[in-house]
Amino acid sequence: MKPFTVYAHRFAYELTIGAIPEGLTLDHRCRVRHCVNPSHLAPETLADNVRLSWSANASKTECP
């Protein structure tokens, strides 16, 4: 069996909230890409995730 990578934010979300629905990605609502707080993550379509990332919040480096 080959090892595989699981991203920390995905692991935290699935451990505390549940499976990420098929075809959706996790959106960092706090706009901090290295955040792993499951309450800051929400399943979105890739199109919505990209659209939402182009806001003034995209340059934030810390959670509020």
N, C-alpha and C. Protein backbone atom coordinates (compact mmCIF):
# COMPACT_ATOMS: atom_id res chain seq x y z
N MET A 1 0.84 -1.18 0.00
CA MET A 1 0.00 0.00 0.00
C MET A 1 0.88 1.24 0.00
N LYS A 2 0.62 2.15 -0.93
CA LYS A 2 1.40 3.38 -1.03
C LYS A 2 0.94 4.39 0.02
N PRO A 3 1.89 5.09 0.63
CA PRO A 3 1.49 6.15 1.56
C PRO A 3 0.85 7.31 0.79
N PHE A 4 -0.01 8.05 1.45
CA PHE A 4 -0.64 9.18 0.80
C PHE A 4 -0.70 10.36 1.77
N THR A 5 -0.85 11.53 1.23
CA THR A 5 -0.88 12.75 2.03
C THR A 5 -2.32 13.12 2.36
N VAL A 6 -2.56 13.45 3.60
CA VAL A 6 -3.85 13.98 4.03
C VAL A 6 -3.56 15.37 4.59
N TYR A 7 -4.16 16.37 4.01
CA TYR A 7 -3.94 17.74 4.48
C TYR A 7 -4.58 17.94 5.84
N ALA A 8 -3.89 18.69 6.70
CA ALA A 8 -4.31 18.85 8.10
C ALA A 8 -5.72 19.41 8.21
N HIS A 9 -6.08 20.39 7.37
CA HIS A 9 -7.41 20.98 7.49
C HIS A 9 -8.49 19.97 7.10
N ARG A 10 -8.22 19.13 6.12
CA ARG A 10 -9.18 18.10 5.73
C ARG A 10 -9.32 17.04 6.82
N PHE A 11 -8.18 16.66 7.41
CA PHE A 11 -8.19 15.68 8.48
C PHE A 11 -9.00 16.20 9.67
N ALA A 12 -8.74 17.46 10.07
CA ALA A 12 -9.45 18.05 11.20
C ALA A 12 -10.95 18.12 10.93
N TYR A 13 -11.34 18.51 9.73
CA TYR A 13 -12.76 18.63 9.38
C TYR A 13 -13.44 17.25 9.43
N GLU A 14 -12.82 16.26 8.80
CA GLU A 14 -13.43 14.93 8.76
C GLU A 14 -13.45 14.27 10.13
N LEU A 15 -12.47 14.55 10.96
CA LEU A 15 -12.42 13.98 12.30
C LEU A 15 -13.52 14.55 13.19
N THR A 16 -13.80 15.84 13.07
CA THR A 16 -14.75 16.48 13.98
C THR A 16 -16.15 16.67 13.40
N ILE A 17 -16.25 16.87 12.09
CA ILE A 17 -17.56 17.18 11.49
C ILE A 17 -18.08 16.01 10.67
N GLY A 18 -17.24 15.42 9.86
CA GLY A 18 -17.67 14.29 9.04
C GLY A 18 -17.05 14.36 7.66
N ALA A 19 -17.50 13.47 6.81
CA ALA A 19 -16.95 13.38 5.45
C ALA A 19 -17.24 14.64 4.64
N ILE A 20 -16.30 14.97 3.79
CA ILE A 20 -16.48 16.08 2.86
C ILE A 20 -17.30 15.53 1.70
N PRO A 21 -18.44 16.15 1.39
CA PRO A 21 -19.29 15.63 0.31
C PRO A 21 -18.52 15.50 -1.02
N GLU A 22 -18.84 14.46 -1.74
CA GLU A 22 -18.21 14.18 -3.03
C GLU A 22 -18.35 15.39 -3.96
N GLY A 23 -17.26 15.78 -4.59
CA GLY A 23 -17.27 16.87 -5.54
C GLY A 23 -17.09 18.25 -4.92
N LEU A 24 -16.96 18.34 -3.60
CA LEU A 24 -16.79 19.63 -2.94
C LEU A 24 -15.39 19.74 -2.34
N THR A 25 -14.93 20.97 -2.16
CA THR A 25 -13.66 21.23 -1.50
C THR A 25 -13.95 22.04 -0.25
N LEU A 26 -12.96 22.15 0.62
CA LEU A 26 -13.14 22.93 1.84
C LEU A 26 -12.71 24.37 1.61
N ASP A 27 -13.57 25.28 1.97
CA ASP A 27 -13.29 26.71 1.89
C ASP A 27 -12.88 27.18 3.28
N HIS A 28 -11.76 27.88 3.36
CA HIS A 28 -11.33 28.49 4.61
C HIS A 28 -12.10 29.81 4.76
N ARG A 29 -13.17 29.79 5.53
CA ARG A 29 -14.01 30.98 5.69
C ARG A 29 -13.26 32.13 6.34
N CYS A 30 -12.24 31.81 7.15
CA CYS A 30 -11.43 32.84 7.81
C CYS A 30 -10.38 33.41 6.85
N ARG A 31 -10.24 32.78 5.68
CA ARG A 31 -9.29 33.16 4.65
C ARG A 31 -7.83 32.98 5.05
N VAL A 32 -7.58 32.17 6.07
CA VAL A 32 -6.21 31.86 6.48
C VAL A 32 -5.94 30.42 6.04
N ARG A 33 -5.13 30.26 5.00
CA ARG A 33 -4.97 28.96 4.36
C ARG A 33 -4.37 27.90 5.26
N HIS A 34 -3.59 28.29 6.27
CA HIS A 34 -3.00 27.30 7.15
C HIS A 34 -3.85 27.03 8.39
N CYS A 35 -5.04 27.60 8.48
CA CYS A 35 -5.95 27.37 9.59
C CYS A 35 -6.51 25.94 9.51
N VAL A 36 -6.59 25.27 10.67
CA VAL A 36 -7.15 23.92 10.71
C VAL A 36 -8.37 23.85 11.63
N ASN A 37 -8.92 24.99 12.03
CA ASN A 37 -10.09 25.02 12.90
C ASN A 37 -11.31 24.59 12.07
N PRO A 38 -11.92 23.44 12.41
CA PRO A 38 -13.04 22.94 11.61
C PRO A 38 -14.22 23.92 11.52
N SER A 39 -14.41 24.76 12.52
CA SER A 39 -15.51 25.72 12.46
C SER A 39 -15.23 26.85 11.47
N HIS A 40 -14.00 26.95 10.97
CA HIS A 40 -13.65 27.95 9.97
C HIS A 40 -13.70 27.38 8.56
N LEU A 41 -14.07 26.11 8.42
CA LEU A 41 -14.07 25.43 7.13
C LEU A 41 -15.50 25.09 6.70
N ALA A 42 -15.75 25.18 5.41
CA ALA A 42 -17.08 24.85 4.89
C ALA A 42 -16.93 24.22 3.51
N PRO A 43 -17.69 23.17 3.24
CA PRO A 43 -17.65 22.56 1.90
C PRO A 43 -18.25 23.51 0.86
N GLU A 44 -17.55 23.66 -0.25
CA GLU A 44 -17.98 24.53 -1.35
C GLU A 44 -17.61 23.85 -2.66
N THR A 45 -18.25 24.26 -3.73
CA THR A 45 -17.78 23.81 -5.04
C THR A 45 -16.45 24.50 -5.30
N LEU A 46 -15.65 23.92 -6.16
CA LEU A 46 -14.37 24.52 -6.49
C LEU A 46 -14.57 25.92 -7.08
N ALA A 47 -15.59 26.10 -7.91
CA ALA A 47 -15.86 27.41 -8.52
C ALA A 47 -16.17 28.45 -7.45
N ASP A 48 -17.00 28.09 -6.46
CA ASP A 48 -17.31 29.03 -5.38
C ASP A 48 -16.09 29.31 -4.53
N ASN A 49 -15.29 28.29 -4.27
CA ASN A 49 -14.09 28.47 -3.47
C ASN A 49 -13.14 29.46 -4.14
N VAL A 50 -12.93 29.31 -5.43
CA VAL A 50 -12.05 30.21 -6.17
C VAL A 50 -12.64 31.62 -6.21
N ARG A 51 -13.93 31.71 -6.48
CA ARG A 51 -14.59 33.02 -6.55
C ARG A 51 -14.47 33.76 -5.21
N LEU A 52 -14.69 33.06 -4.13
CA LEU A 52 -14.63 33.69 -2.81
C LEU A 52 -13.21 34.06 -2.40
N SER A 53 -12.21 33.39 -2.94
CA SER A 53 -10.83 33.64 -2.53
C SER A 53 -10.29 34.96 -3.07
N TRP A 54 -10.93 35.53 -4.05
CA TRP A 54 -10.44 36.77 -4.64
C TRP A 54 -11.04 38.00 -3.96
N SER A 55 -11.07 37.99 -2.66
CA SER A 55 -11.61 39.12 -1.92
C SER A 55 -10.50 39.81 -1.15
N ALA A 56 -10.82 40.92 -0.50
CA ALA A 56 -9.85 41.63 0.32
C ALA A 56 -9.37 40.77 1.47
N ASN A 57 -10.18 39.78 1.87
CA ASN A 57 -9.81 38.91 2.97
C ASN A 57 -8.72 37.91 2.60
N ALA A 58 -8.43 37.74 1.32
CA ALA A 58 -7.49 36.72 0.87
C ALA A 58 -6.08 36.97 1.40
N SER A 59 -5.75 38.19 1.75
CA SER A 59 -4.39 38.49 2.20
C SER A 59 -4.24 38.38 3.72
N LYS A 60 -5.28 38.00 4.44
CA LYS A 60 -5.19 37.88 5.89
C LYS A 60 -4.20 36.77 6.26
N THR A 61 -3.49 36.96 7.35
CA THR A 61 -2.53 35.96 7.81
C THR A 61 -2.89 35.39 9.17
N GLU A 62 -3.93 35.90 9.83
CA GLU A 62 -4.35 35.42 11.13
C GLU A 62 -5.87 35.33 11.19
N CYS A 63 -6.37 34.40 12.00
CA CYS A 63 -7.80 34.29 12.22
C CYS A 63 -8.24 35.41 13.16
N PRO A 64 -9.46 35.93 12.97
CA PRO A 64 -9.95 36.97 13.89
C PRO A 64 -10.15 36.43 15.29
